[in-house]
PDB file of N, CA and C in Angstrom:
ATOM      1  N   MET A   1      64.066 104.712  18.243  1.00  0.00           N
ATOM      2  CA  MET A   1      63.140 105.225  17.260  1.00  0.00           C
ATOM      3  C   MET A   1      62.756 106.659  17.601  1.00  0.00           C
ATOM      4  N   LEU A   2      62.473 106.915  18.863  1.00  0.00           N
ATOM      5  CA  LEU A   2      62.049 108.253  19.268  1.00  0.00           C
ATOM      6  C   LEU A   2      63.161 109.279  19.043  1.00  0.00           C
ATOM      7  N   GLU A   3      64.402 108.903  19.344  1.00  0.00           N
ATOM      8  CA  GLU A   3      65.517 109.819  19.135  1.00  0.00           C
ATOM      9  C   GLU A   3      65.690 110.119  17.646  1.00  0.00           C
ATOM     10  N   ALA A   4      65.548 109.106  16.801  1.00  0.00           N
ATOM     11  CA  ALA A   4      65.643 109.310  15.354  1.00  0.00           C
ATOM     12  C   ALA A   4      64.503 110.196  14.870  1.00  0.00           C
ATOM     13  N   ALA A   5      63.315 110.036  15.451  1.00  0.00           N
ATOM     14  CA  ALA A   5      62.184 110.894  15.090  1.00  0.00           C
ATOM     15  C   ALA A   5      62.502 112.350  15.407  1.00  0.00           C
ATOM     16  N   HIS A   6      63.189 112.586  16.532  1.00  0.00           N
ATOM     17  CA  HIS A   6      63.608 113.952  16.875  1.00  0.00           C
ATOM     18  C   HIS A   6      64.575 114.508  15.833  1.00  0.00           C
ATOM     19  N   ASP A   7      65.345 113.641  15.201  1.00  0.00           N
ATOM     20  CA  ASP A   7      66.300 114.089  14.189  1.00  0.00           C
ATOM     21  C   ASP A   7      65.616 114.570  12.913  1.00  0.00           C
ATOM     22  N   VAL A   8      64.433 114.044  12.595  1.00  0.00           N
ATOM     23  CA  VAL A   8      63.749 114.442  11.365  1.00  0.00           C
ATOM     24  C   VAL A   8      62.652 115.474  11.594  1.00  0.00           C
ATOM     25  N   GLY A   9      62.315 115.742  12.844  1.00  0.00           N
ATOM     26  CA  GLY A   9      61.274 116.730  13.120  1.00  0.00           C
ATOM     27  C   GLY A   9      61.055 116.903  14.606  1.00  0.00           C
ATOM     28  N   GLU A  10      59.945 117.529  14.931  1.00  0.00           N
ATOM     29  CA  GLU A  10      59.590 117.792  16.329  1.00  0.00           C
ATOM     30  C   GLU A  10      58.490 116.819  16.755  1.00  0.00           C
ATOM     31  N   VAL A  11      58.761 116.042  17.787  1.00  0.00           N
ATOM     32  CA  VAL A  11      57.756 115.106  18.291  1.00  0.00           C
ATOM     33  C   VAL A  11      56.676 115.936  18.983  1.00  0.00           C
ATOM     34  N   THR A  12      55.461 115.906  18.425  1.00  0.00           N
ATOM     35  CA  THR A  12      54.374 116.729  18.952  1.00  0.00           C
ATOM     36  C   THR A  12      53.354 115.920  19.744  1.00  0.00           C
ATOM     37  N   TYR A  13      53.407 114.588  19.608  1.00  0.00           N
ATOM     38  CA  TYR A  13      52.468 113.735  20.344  1.00  0.00           C
ATOM     39  C   TYR A  13      53.130 112.386  20.563  1.00  0.00           C
ATOM     40  N   LEU A  14      52.969 111.851  21.756  1.00  0.00           N
ATOM     41  CA  LEU A  14      53.508 110.535  22.075  1.00  0.00           C
ATOM     42  C   LEU A  14      52.554 109.844  23.036  1.00  0.00           C
ATOM     43  N   ASP A  15      52.107 108.664  22.666  1.00  0.00           N
ATOM     44  CA  ASP A  15      51.261 107.851  23.537  1.00  0.00           C
ATOM     45  C   ASP A  15      51.932 106.494  23.657  1.00  0.00           C
ATOM     46  N   ARG A  16      52.625 106.281  24.753  1.00  0.00           N
ATOM     47  CA  ARG A  16      53.381 105.041  24.939  1.00  0.00           C
ATOM     48  C   ARG A  16      52.466 103.840  25.159  1.00  0.00           C
ATOM     49  N   SER A  17      51.209 104.059  25.527  1.00  0.00           N
ATOM     50  CA  SER A  17      50.305 102.933  25.769  1.00  0.00           C
ATOM     51  C   SER A  17      49.796 102.313  24.470  1.00  0.00           C
ATOM     52  N   MET A  18      49.819 103.045  23.356  1.00  0.00           N
ATOM     53  CA  MET A  18      49.268 102.530  22.101  1.00  0.00           C
ATOM     54  C   MET A  18      50.240 101.656  21.321  1.00  0.00           C
ATOM     55  N   PRO A  19      51.454 101.855  21.058  1.00  0.00           N
ATOM     56  CA  PRO A  19      52.250 103.086  21.039  1.00  0.00           C
ATOM     57  C   PRO A  19      52.120 103.807  19.693  1.00  0.00           C
ATOM     58  N   ILE A  20      52.054 105.123  19.784  1.00  0.00           N
ATOM     59  CA  ILE A  20      51.906 105.966  18.602  1.00  0.00           C
ATOM     60  C   ILE A  20      52.635 107.280  18.853  1.00  0.00           C
ATOM     61  N   ALA A  21      53.210 107.839  17.798  1.00  0.00           N
ATOM     62  CA  ALA A  21      53.890 109.130  17.912  1.00  0.00           C
ATOM     63  C   ALA A  21      53.599 109.946  16.665  1.00  0.00           C
ATOM     64  N   GLU A  22      53.502 111.256  16.846  1.00  0.00           N
ATOM     65  CA  GLU A  22      53.356 112.166  15.714  1.00  0.00           C
ATOM     66  C   GLU A  22      54.552 113.094  15.710  1.00  0.00           C
ATOM     67  N   ILE A  23      55.124 113.288  14.527  1.00  0.00           N
ATOM     68  CA  ILE A  23      56.288 114.141  14.362  1.00  0.00           C
ATOM     69  C   ILE A  23      55.945 115.204  13.328  1.00  0.00           C
ATOM     70  N   LEU A  24      56.176 116.464  13.663  1.00  0.00           N
ATOM     71  CA  LEU A  24      55.983 117.560  12.723  1.00  0.00           C
ATOM     72  C   LEU A  24      57.296 117.752  11.984  1.00  0.00           C
ATOM     73  N   CYS A  25      57.266 117.559  10.670  1.00  0.00           N
ATOM     74  CA  CYS A  25      58.472 117.644   9.842  1.00  0.00           C
ATOM     75  C   CYS A  25      58.377 118.842   8.914  1.00  0.00           C
ATOM     76  N   ARG A  26      59.516 119.477   8.720  1.00  0.00           N
ATOM     77  CA  ARG A  26      59.603 120.580   7.758  1.00  0.00           C
ATOM     78  C   ARG A  26      60.783 120.302   6.849  1.00  0.00           C
ATOM     79  N   PHE A  27      60.488 120.088   5.572  1.00  0.00           N
ATOM     80  CA  PHE A  27      61.510 119.803   4.578  1.00  0.00           C
ATOM     81  C   PHE A  27      61.555 120.949   3.583  1.00  0.00           C
ATOM     82  N   GLU A  28      62.739 121.265   3.110  1.00  0.00           N
ATOM     83  CA  GLU A  28      62.910 122.378   2.177  1.00  0.00           C
ATOM     84  C   GLU A  28      62.045 122.166   0.934  1.00  0.00           C
ATOM     85  N   GLY A  29      61.246 123.184   0.604  1.00  0.00           N
ATOM     86  CA  GLY A  29      60.400 123.132  -0.578  1.00  0.00           C
ATOM     87  C   GLY A  29      59.129 122.312  -0.418  1.00  0.00           C
ATOM     88  N   GLU A  30      58.886 121.786   0.771  1.00  0.00           N
ATOM     89  CA  GLU A  30      57.699 120.960   1.012  1.00  0.00           C
ATOM     90  C   GLU A  30      56.836 121.606   2.093  1.00  0.00           C
ATOM     91  N   PRO A  31      55.542 121.274   2.124  1.00  0.00           N
ATOM     92  CA  PRO A  31      54.684 121.808   3.183  1.00  0.00           C
ATOM     93  C   PRO A  31      55.027 121.181   4.531  1.00  0.00           C
ATOM     94  N   ALA A  32      54.614 121.839   5.595  1.00  0.00           N
ATOM     95  CA  ALA A  32      54.743 121.232   6.923  1.00  0.00           C
ATOM     96  C   ALA A  32      54.002 119.899   6.877  1.00  0.00           C
ATOM     97  N   THR A  33      54.628 118.887   7.434  1.00  0.00           N
ATOM     98  CA  THR A  33      54.148 117.522   7.261  1.00  0.00           C
ATOM     99  C   THR A  33      54.021 116.809   8.594  1.00  0.00           C
ATOM    100  N   SER A  34      52.929 116.092   8.764  1.00  0.00           N
ATOM    101  CA  SER A  34      52.713 115.255   9.938  1.00  0.00           C
ATOM    102  C   SER A  34      53.133 113.827   9.589  1.00  0.00           C
ATOM    103  N   LEU A  35      54.062 113.288  10.373  1.00  0.00           N
ATOM    104  CA  LEU A  35      54.485 111.896  10.243  1.00  0.00           C
ATOM    105  C   LEU A  35      53.966 111.161  11.472  1.00  0.00           C
ATOM    106  N   VAL A  36      53.081 110.191  11.264  1.00  0.00           N
ATOM    107  CA  VAL A  36      52.537 109.412  12.374  1.00  0.00           C
ATOM    108  C   VAL A  36      53.147 108.016  12.319  1.00  0.00           C
ATOM    109  N   LEU A  37      53.752 107.613  13.443  1.00  0.00           N
ATOM    110  CA  LEU A  37      54.356 106.288  13.570  1.00  0.00           C
ATOM    111  C   LEU A  37      53.502 105.457  14.515  1.00  0.00           C
ATOM    112  N   THR A  38      53.073 104.307  14.056  1.00  0.00           N
ATOM    113  CA  THR A  38      52.309 103.376  14.876  1.00  0.00           C
ATOM    114  C   THR A  38      53.098 102.079  14.946  1.00  0.00           C
ATOM    115  N   LEU A  39      53.402 101.624  16.155  1.00  0.00           N
ATOM    116  CA  LEU A  39      54.184 100.406  16.344  1.00  0.00           C
ATOM    117  C   LEU A  39      53.262  99.253  16.704  1.00  0.00           C
ATOM    118  N   GLN A  40      53.511  98.098  16.077  1.00  0.00           N
ATOM    119  CA  GLN A  40      52.720  96.902  16.361  1.00  0.00           C
ATOM    120  C   GLN A  40      53.663  95.725  16.548  1.00  0.00           C
ATOM    121  N   GLY A  41      53.604  95.115  17.733  1.00  0.00           N
ATOM    122  CA  GLY A  41      54.431  93.956  18.026  1.00  0.00           C
ATOM    123  C   GLY A  41      53.975  92.743  17.242  1.00  0.00           C
ATOM    124  N   ARG A  42      54.933  92.007  16.723  1.00  0.00           N
ATOM    125  CA  ARG A  42      54.677  90.769  15.984  1.00  0.00           C
ATOM    126  C   ARG A  42      55.488  89.657  16.638  1.00  0.00           C
ATOM    127  N   GLY A  43      55.279  88.432  16.215  1.00  0.00           N
ATOM    128  CA  GLY A  43      55.985  87.293  16.780  1.00  0.00           C
ATOM    129  C   GLY A  43      57.496  87.380  16.643  1.00  0.00           C
ATOM    130  N   GLU A  44      57.975  87.980  15.567  1.00  0.00           N
ATOM    131  CA  GLU A  44      59.410  88.036  15.313  1.00  0.00           C
ATOM    132  C   GLU A  44      59.975  89.448  15.408  1.00  0.00           C
ATOM    133  N   GLY A  45      59.263  90.377  15.971  1.00  0.00           N
ATOM    134  CA  GLY A  45      59.765  91.745  16.086  1.00  0.00           C
ATOM    135  C   GLY A  45      58.629  92.744  16.160  1.00  0.00           C
ATOM    136  N   THR A  46      58.948  93.973  15.857  1.00  0.00           N
ATOM    137  CA  THR A  46      57.972  95.059  15.891  1.00  0.00           C
ATOM    138  C   THR A  46      57.926  95.724  14.528  1.00  0.00           C
ATOM    139  N   GLU A  47      56.729  95.939  14.011  1.00  0.00           N
ATOM    140  CA  GLU A  47      56.545  96.645  12.748  1.00  0.00           C
ATOM    141  C   GLU A  47      56.150  98.079  13.037  1.00  0.00           C
ATOM    142  N   VAL A  48      56.637  98.988  12.195  1.00  0.00           N
ATOM    143  CA  VAL A  48      56.300 100.401  12.311  1.00  0.00           C
ATOM    144  C   VAL A  48      55.510 100.791  11.067  1.00  0.00           C
ATOM    145  N   PHE A  49      54.326 101.319  11.269  1.00  0.00           N
ATOM    146  CA  PHE A  49      53.497 101.804  10.175  1.00  0.00           C
ATOM    147  C   PHE A  49      53.608 103.321  10.145  1.00  0.00           C
ATOM    148  N   CYS A  50      53.859 103.874   8.961  1.00  0.00           N
ATOM    149  CA  CYS A  50      54.087 105.312   8.818  1.00  0.00           C
ATOM    150  C   CYS A  50      53.004 105.930   7.951  1.00  0.00           C
ATOM    151  N   THR A  51      52.446 107.028   8.424  1.00  0.00           N
ATOM    152  CA  THR A  51      51.465 107.803   7.677  1.00  0.00           C
ATOM    153  C   THR A  51      52.002 109.216   7.541  1.00  0.00           C
ATOM    154  N   VAL A  52      51.932 109.767   6.338  1.00  0.00           N
ATOM    155  CA  VAL A  52      52.439 111.110   6.066  1.00  0.00           C
ATOM    156  C   VAL A  52      51.298 111.944   5.504  1.00  0.00           C
ATOM    157  N   GLU A  53      51.053 113.100   6.121  1.00  0.00           N
ATOM    158  CA  GLU A  53      50.010 114.009   5.640  1.00  0.00           C
ATOM    159  C   GLU A  53      50.501 115.442   5.720  1.00  0.00           C
ATOM    160  N   SER A  54      50.168 116.221   4.719  1.00  0.00           N
ATOM    161  CA  SER A  54      50.459 117.649   4.740  1.00  0.00           C
ATOM    162  C   SER A  54      49.512 118.322   5.723  1.00  0.00           C
ATOM    163  N   ILE A  55      50.019 119.303   6.454  1.00  0.00           N
ATOM    164  CA  ILE A  55      49.121 120.079   7.312  1.00  0.00           C
ATOM    165  C   ILE A  55      48.884 121.459   6.702  1.00  0.00           C
ATOM    166  N   GLU A  56      49.272 121.590   5.431  1.00  0.00           N
ATOM    167  CA  GLU A  56      49.016 122.809   4.670  1.00  0.00           C
ATOM    168  C   GLU A  56      48.126 122.441   3.488  1.00  0.00           C
ATOM    169  N   ALA A  57      47.799 123.427   2.663  1.00  0.00           N
ATOM    170  CA  ALA A  57      46.913 123.201   1.522  1.00  0.00           C
ATOM    171  C   ALA A  57      47.696 122.748   0.286  1.00  0.00           C
ATOM    172  N   ARG A  58      48.793 122.019   0.508  1.00  0.00           N
ATOM    173  CA  ARG A  58      49.582 121.461  -0.594  1.00  0.00           C
ATOM    174  C   ARG A  58      49.776 119.974  -0.329  1.00  0.00           C
ATOM    175  N   PRO A  59      50.025 119.209  -1.376  1.00  0.00           N
ATOM    176  CA  PRO A  59      50.229 117.770  -1.179  1.00  0.00           C
ATOM    177  C   PRO A  59      51.467 117.478  -0.327  1.00  0.00           C
ATOM    178  N   ALA A  60      51.388 116.417   0.431  1.00  0.00           N
ATOM    179  CA  ALA A  60      52.508 115.989   1.281  1.00  0.00           C
ATOM    180  C   ALA A  60      53.633 115.425   0.415  1.00  0.00           C
ATOM    181  N   PRO A  61      54.842 115.423   0.946  1.00  0.00           N
ATOM    182  CA  PRO A  61      55.927 114.755   0.224  1.00  0.00           C
ATOM    183  C   PRO A  61      55.645 113.249   0.165  1.00  0.00           C
ATOM    184  N   PRO A  62      56.309 112.544  -0.735  1.00  0.00           N
ATOM    185  CA  PRO A  62      56.079 111.099  -0.829  1.00  0.00           C
ATOM    186  C   PRO A  62      56.424 110.380   0.479  1.00  0.00           C
ATOM    187  N   VAL A  63      55.590 109.423   0.856  1.00  0.00           N
ATOM    188  CA  VAL A  63      55.816 108.665   2.089  1.00  0.00           C
ATOM    189  C   VAL A  63      57.201 108.027   2.066  1.00  0.00           C
ATOM    190  N   ALA A  64      57.582 107.446   0.936  1.00  0.00           N
ATOM    191  CA  ALA A  64      58.875 106.756   0.842  1.00  0.00           C
ATOM    192  C   ALA A  64      60.032 107.695   1.153  1.00  0.00           C
ATOM    193  N   ALA A  65      59.958 108.944   0.706  1.00  0.00           N
ATOM    194  CA  ALA A  65      61.041 109.899   0.957  1.00  0.00           C
ATOM    195  C   ALA A  65      61.151 110.221   2.446  1.00  0.00           C
ATOM    196  N   VAL A  66      60.025 110.393   3.105  1.00  0.00           N
ATOM    197  CA  VAL A  66      60.027 110.702   4.540  1.00  0.00           C
ATOM    198  C   VAL A  66      60.531 109.497   5.332  1.00  0.00           C
ATOM    199  N   VAL A  67      60.077 108.309   4.969  1.00  0.00           N
ATOM    200  CA  VAL A  67      60.523 107.092   5.649  1.00  0.00           C
ATOM    201  C   VAL A  67      62.018 106.876   5.422  1.00  0.00           C
ATOM    202  N   ASP A  68      62.507 107.187   4.223  1.00  0.00           N
ATOM    203  CA  ASP A  68      63.950 107.072   3.957  1.00  0.00           C
ATOM    204  C   ASP A  68      64.755 107.962   4.896  1.00  0.00           C
ATOM    205  N   LEU A  69      64.283 109.182   5.153  1.00  0.00           N
ATOM    206  CA  LEU A  69      64.984 110.084   6.077  1.00  0.00           C
ATOM    207  C   LEU A  69      64.966 109.543   7.501  1.00  0.00           C
ATOM    208  N   LEU A  70      63.844 108.982   7.914  1.00  0.00           N
ATOM    209  CA  LEU A  70      63.762 108.382   9.246  1.00  0.00           C
ATOM    210  C   LEU A  70      64.701 107.179   9.339  1.00  0.00           C
ATOM    211  N   GLU A  71      64.723 106.365   8.305  1.00  0.00           N
ATOM    212  CA  GLU A  71      65.617 105.203   8.295  1.00  0.00           C
ATOM    213  C   GLU A  71      67.083 105.642   8.349  1.00  0.00           C
ATOM    214  N   LEU A  72      67.431 106.681   7.610  1.00  0.00           N
ATOM    215  CA  LEU A  72      68.796 107.212   7.648  1.00  0.00           C
ATOM    216  C   LEU A  72      69.156 107.680   9.056  1.00  0.00           C
ATOM    217  N   ALA A  73      68.230 108.367   9.706  1.00  0.00           N
ATOM    218  CA  ALA A  73      68.473 108.831  11.078  1.00  0.00           C
ATOM    219  C   ALA A  73      68.672 107.645  12.024  1.00  0.00           C
ATOM    220  N   LEU A  74      67.894 106.582  11.839  1.00  0.00           N
ATOM    221  CA  LEU A  74      68.050 105.376  12.666  1.00  0.00           C
ATOM    222  C   LEU A  74      69.430 104.749  12.463  1.00  0.00           C
ATOM    223  N   HIS A  75      69.849 104.631  11.205  1.00  0.00           N
ATOM    224  CA  HIS A  75      71.158 104.046  10.909  1.00  0.00           C
ATOM    225  C   HIS A  75      72.292 104.897  11.470  1.00  0.00           C
ATOM    226  N   ARG A  76      72.165 106.204  11.353  1.00  0.00           N
ATOM    227  CA  ARG A  76      73.213 107.089  11.882  1.00  0.00           C
ATOM    228  C   ARG A  76      73.323 106.962  13.390  1.00  0.00           C
ATOM    229  N   ARG A  77      72.202 106.880  14.053  1.00  0.00           N
ATOM    230  CA  ARG A  77      72.232 106.722  15.516  1.00  0.00           C
ATOM    231  C   ARG A  77      72.838 105.378  15.897  1.00  0.00           C
ATOM    232  N   ARG A  78      72.522 104.348  15.150  1.00  0.00           N
ATOM    233  CA  ARG A  78      73.093 103.030  15.429  1.00  0.00           C
ATOM    234  C   ARG A  78      74.607 103.045  15.202  1.00  0.00           C
ATOM    235  N   ASP A  79      75.042 103.654  14.096  1.00  0.00           N
ATOM    236  CA  ASP A  79      76.459 103.664  13.737  1.00  0.00           C
ATOM    237  C   ASP A  79      77.287 104.593  14.606  1.00  0.00           C
ATOM    238  N   ASP A  80      76.694 105.710  15.045  1.00  0.00           N
ATOM    239  CA  ASP A  80      77.427 106.711  15.823  1.00  0.00           C
ATOM    240  C   ASP A  80      77.191 106.588  17.319  1.00  0.00           C
ATOM    241  N   GLY A  81      76.472 105.605  17.760  1.00  0.00           N
ATOM    242  CA  GLY A  81      76.111 105.526  19.170  1.00  0.00           C
ATOM    243  C   GLY A  81      74.838 106.304  19.392  1.00  0.00           C
ATOM    244  N   ALA A  82      74.696 106.927  20.550  1.00  0.00           N
ATOM    245  CA  ALA A  82      73.454 107.620  20.906  1.00  0.00           C
ATOM    246  C   ALA A  82      73.456 109.083  20.521  1.00  0.00           C
ATOM    247  N   GLY A  83      74.480 109.566  19.833  1.00  0.00           N
ATOM    248  CA  GLY A  83      74.559 110.988  19.495  1.00  0.00           C
ATOM    249  C   GLY A  83      73.581 111.369  18.412  1.00  0.00           C
ATOM    250  N   PRO A  84      73.320 112.677  18.249  1.00  0.00           N
ATOM    251  CA  PRO A  84      72.402 113.137  17.210  1.00  0.00           C
ATOM    252  C   PRO A  84      72.975 112.879  15.822  1.00  0.00           C
ATOM    253  N   ALA A  85      72.111 112.707  14.860  1.00  0.00           N
ATOM    254  CA  ALA A  85      72.541 112.463  13.486  1.00  0.00           C
ATOM    255  C   ALA A  85      73.259 113.684  12.934  1.00  0.00           C
ATOM    256  N   GLN A  86      74.269 113.445  12.133  1.00  0.00           N
ATOM    257  CA  GLN A  86      75.015 114.514  11.482  1.00  0.00           C
ATOM    258  C   GLN A  86      74.422 114.757  10.108  1.00  0.00           C
ATOM    259  N   SER A  87      74.532 115.989   9.627  1.00  0.00           N
ATOM    260  CA  SER A  87      74.066 116.275   8.281  1.00  0.00           C
ATOM    261  C   SER A  87      75.059 115.663   7.301  1.00  0.00           C
ATOM    262  N   PRO A  88      74.632 115.330   6.070  1.00  0.00           N
ATOM    263  CA  PRO A  88      75.528 114.711   5.098  1.00  0.00           C
ATOM    264  C   PRO A  88      76.768 115.546   4.804  1.00  0.00           C
ATOM    265  N   SER A  89      76.684 116.862   4.958  1.00  0.00           N
ATOM    266  CA  SER A  89      77.834 117.725   4.667  1.00  0.00           C
ATOM    267  C   SER A  89      78.812 117.808   5.825  1.00  0.00           C
ATOM    268  N   SER A  90      78.464 117.247   6.990  1.00  0.00           N
ATOM    269  CA  SER A  90      79.347 117.306   8.162  1.00  0.00           C
ATOM    270  C   SER A  90      80.404 116.236   8.111  1.00  0.00           C
TER     271      SER A  90
END
């Protein structure tokens, strides 16, 4: 998860004891965006809660769009091994 987060932005905060991470994302045409990931263990796995907020005076991109990019990065890392995600044009 952390490696995929690096693929979509810069990890600016990580607290492994909570666990929580903040990623600063910059998307073309969108304001700088804070993506906060909070992990919560459940009986059958771990759930990730995502919060998206603009850090500029403009509205943040849709949460679903940001989560889709993170999910794509996770799938690419799973499919390609541990290497960094490739851009769609590569």
